[in-house]
Amino acid sequence: MHMLSLAALSLSAAGFFASSATLSRTADAGRAGTPISLANAVTNGMLPGSKFCLNVKLCVRSERRDEFIACIRDNQKGTLSTEPLAVEYVWGEDVDQPNTFHFYEKYEGRRGFEAHQATPHFAAWEVFAASDPFTSPPVVEFYEEM
């Protein structure tokens, strides 16, 4: 039996910051010492139920970069520390295109994402997003994890 804890998963390097929501599950990996893959936690039975996901691409004006990063860090922190239906919120900067950012978010069903949209940290994001910070329209793709 292995205990998985992703509560403190964070990586910070060259403009990339990733963190994951708290997830503690016990899983049988088959043999002692066999690593457990969380690549698809729904399929491998570690997270039951429907997971609502989104991928986002944002191209930010260079003069708004610092403000954008501060806003996103606050949104990520609020999401992962106060939203029980948030599973993952990972983001980073494109390695070839400066000021282009990619996001991956996962919630416990669509209701998890709807709860996220009703939070104060998301409201702060909406204010920022409405202030013309992008060089091109955001690209957002929604899907259910299988």
Protein backbone atom coordinates (compact mmCIF):
# COMPACT_ATOMS: atom_id res chain seq x y z
CA MET A 1 0.00 0.00 0.00
CA HIS A 2 1.26 3.46 -0.90
CA MET A 3 0.00 6.76 0.49
CA LEU A 4 -0.16 9.52 -2.10
CA SER A 5 -0.02 13.13 -1.01
CA LEU A 6 0.08 15.87 -3.62
CA ALA A 7 -0.73 18.71 -1.24
CA ALA A 8 2.71 20.26 -1.48
CA LEU A 9 3.56 19.42 -5.08
CA SER A 10 5.11 22.56 -6.44
CA LEU A 11 7.83 23.29 -8.92
CA SER A 12 9.31 26.67 -9.56
CA ALA A 13 11.86 27.19 -12.34
CA ALA A 14 12.36 29.63 -15.21
CA GLY A 15 8.92 31.16 -15.09
CA PHE A 16 7.09 27.89 -14.43
CA PHE A 17 5.08 27.31 -11.30
CA ALA A 18 2.87 24.31 -10.74
CA SER A 19 0.92 23.13 -7.77
CA SER A 20 -1.72 20.53 -7.13
CA ALA A 21 -4.69 20.33 -4.82
CA THR A 22 -4.63 18.13 -1.79
CA LEU A 23 -5.15 14.51 -2.71
CA SER A 24 -4.63 11.75 -0.21
CA ARG A 25 -5.59 8.27 -1.31
CA THR A 26 -4.33 4.83 -0.44
CA ALA A 27 -3.76 2.65 -3.46
CA ASP A 28 -2.39 -0.82 -4.04
CA ALA A 29 0.37 -0.52 -6.61
CA GLY A 30 0.65 -4.27 -6.95
CA ARG A 31 4.15 -4.80 -5.60
CA ALA A 32 6.00 -2.98 -2.88
CA GLY A 33 8.18 -0.32 -4.40
CA THR A 34 6.15 -0.02 -7.62
CA PRO A 35 5.50 3.65 -8.39
CA ILE A 36 1.90 4.76 -8.73
CA SER A 37 1.03 6.85 -11.79
CA LEU A 38 -1.50 9.63 -11.40
CA ALA A 39 -1.51 10.36 -15.12
CA ASN A 40 -5.20 9.54 -15.19
CA ALA A 41 -6.47 9.19 -11.65
CA VAL A 42 -10.07 8.65 -12.78
CA THR A 43 -9.25 5.70 -15.03
CA ASN A 44 -7.03 4.04 -12.45
CA GLY A 45 -9.78 4.35 -9.84
CA MET A 46 -8.03 6.72 -7.47
CA LEU A 47 -10.51 9.57 -7.99
CA PRO A 48 -14.07 8.33 -8.45
CA GLY A 49 -16.63 10.36 -10.35
CA SER A 50 -16.64 12.74 -13.28
CA LYS A 51 -13.78 15.21 -13.61
CA PHE A 52 -14.39 18.45 -15.49
CA CYS A 53 -11.19 19.79 -17.06
CA LEU A 54 -10.04 22.74 -19.07
CA ASN A 55 -6.95 23.75 -20.99
CA VAL A 56 -6.34 27.44 -21.52
CA LYS A 57 -3.86 29.42 -23.60
CA LEU A 58 -3.38 33.10 -22.80
CA CYS A 59 -1.14 35.56 -24.64
CA VAL A 60 -0.41 38.47 -22.30
CA ARG A 61 0.80 41.97 -23.18
CA SER A 62 4.42 42.27 -22.03
CA GLU A 63 3.67 45.42 -20.06
CA ARG A 64 0.96 43.53 -18.11
CA ARG A 65 3.10 40.43 -17.39
CA ASP A 66 3.87 41.12 -13.70
CA GLU A 67 0.28 42.05 -12.92
CA PHE A 68 -0.93 38.91 -14.74
CA ILE A 69 1.44 36.63 -12.82
CA ALA A 70 0.41 38.13 -9.48
CA CYS A 71 -3.27 37.71 -10.33
CA ILE A 72 -2.81 34.11 -11.47
CA ARG A 73 -0.78 33.17 -8.40
CA ASP A 74 -3.56 34.56 -6.20
CA ASN A 75 -6.17 32.67 -8.22
CA GLN A 76 -4.20 29.43 -8.02
CA LYS A 77 -3.59 29.81 -4.29
CA GLY A 78 -7.25 30.57 -3.61
CA THR A 79 -8.38 27.69 -5.81
CA LEU A 80 -6.18 25.08 -4.20
CA SER A 81 -6.53 26.28 -0.61
CA THR A 82 -10.26 27.07 -0.41
CA GLU A 83 -12.09 25.03 -3.02
CA PRO A 84 -12.80 21.44 -1.96
CA LEU A 85 -13.95 20.53 -5.50
CA ALA A 86 -10.73 21.73 -7.15
CA VAL A 87 -8.38 18.85 -7.98
CA GLU A 88 -5.60 20.52 -9.99
CA TYR A 89 -4.60 23.99 -11.13
CA VAL A 90 -1.33 23.97 -13.06
CA TRP A 91 0.09 26.73 -15.21
CA GLY A 92 3.31 27.77 -16.85
CA GLU A 93 4.89 29.89 -19.54
CA ASP A 94 5.49 28.61 -23.05
CA VAL A 95 9.16 27.71 -23.55
CA ASP A 96 9.27 29.24 -27.05
CA GLN A 97 6.81 32.14 -26.87
CA PRO A 98 7.39 34.66 -24.07
CA ASN A 99 4.25 35.95 -22.35
CA THR A 100 2.23 32.98 -23.60
CA PHE A 101 0.83 30.93 -20.73
CA HIS A 102 -0.83 27.51 -20.63
CA PHE A 103 -3.19 26.25 -17.94
CA TYR A 104 -4.62 22.91 -16.94
CA GLU A 105 -7.43 22.84 -14.41
CA LYS A 106 -9.41 19.88 -13.05
CA TYR A 107 -12.52 19.95 -10.88
CA GLU A 108 -14.87 17.42 -9.30
CA GLY A 109 -17.49 17.59 -12.05
CA ARG A 110 -18.89 20.68 -13.72
CA ARG A 111 -20.25 21.83 -10.37
CA GLY A 112 -16.66 22.12 -9.13
CA PHE A 113 -15.83 24.54 -11.94
CA GLU A 114 -19.05 26.47 -11.36
CA ALA A 115 -18.14 26.77 -7.66
CA HIS A 116 -14.70 28.07 -8.75
CA GLN A 117 -16.38 30.75 -10.86
CA ALA A 118 -18.29 31.98 -7.78
CA THR A 119 -15.18 32.68 -5.65
CA PRO A 120 -13.60 36.05 -4.79
CA HIS A 121 -10.27 35.05 -6.38
CA PHE A 122 -12.02 34.19 -9.65
CA ALA A 123 -13.89 37.53 -9.49
CA ALA A 124 -10.51 39.28 -9.20
CA TRP A 125 -9.33 37.33 -12.27
CA GLU A 126 -12.43 38.44 -14.20
CA VAL A 127 -11.68 42.10 -13.38
CA PHE A 128 -8.13 41.66 -14.66
CA ALA A 129 -9.24 39.75 -17.78
CA ALA A 130 -11.73 42.50 -18.63
CA SER A 131 -8.98 45.16 -18.58
CA ASP A 132 -7.58 44.29 -22.04
CA PRO A 133 -4.42 42.42 -20.94
CA PHE A 134 -4.24 40.00 -23.90
CA THR A 135 -2.62 40.26 -27.32
CA SER A 136 -5.05 37.70 -28.75
CA PRO A 137 -8.32 36.15 -27.59
CA PRO A 138 -7.99 33.48 -24.90
CA VAL A 139 -8.28 29.88 -26.10
CA VAL A 140 -10.28 27.71 -23.69
CA GLU A 141 -11.08 24.02 -24.20
CA PHE A 142 -13.40 22.15 -21.83
CA TYR A 143 -13.61 18.36 -21.54
CA GLU A 144 -14.53 15.47 -19.25
CA GLU A 145 -11.66 13.25 -18.15
CA MET A 146 -12.13 9.63 -19.25
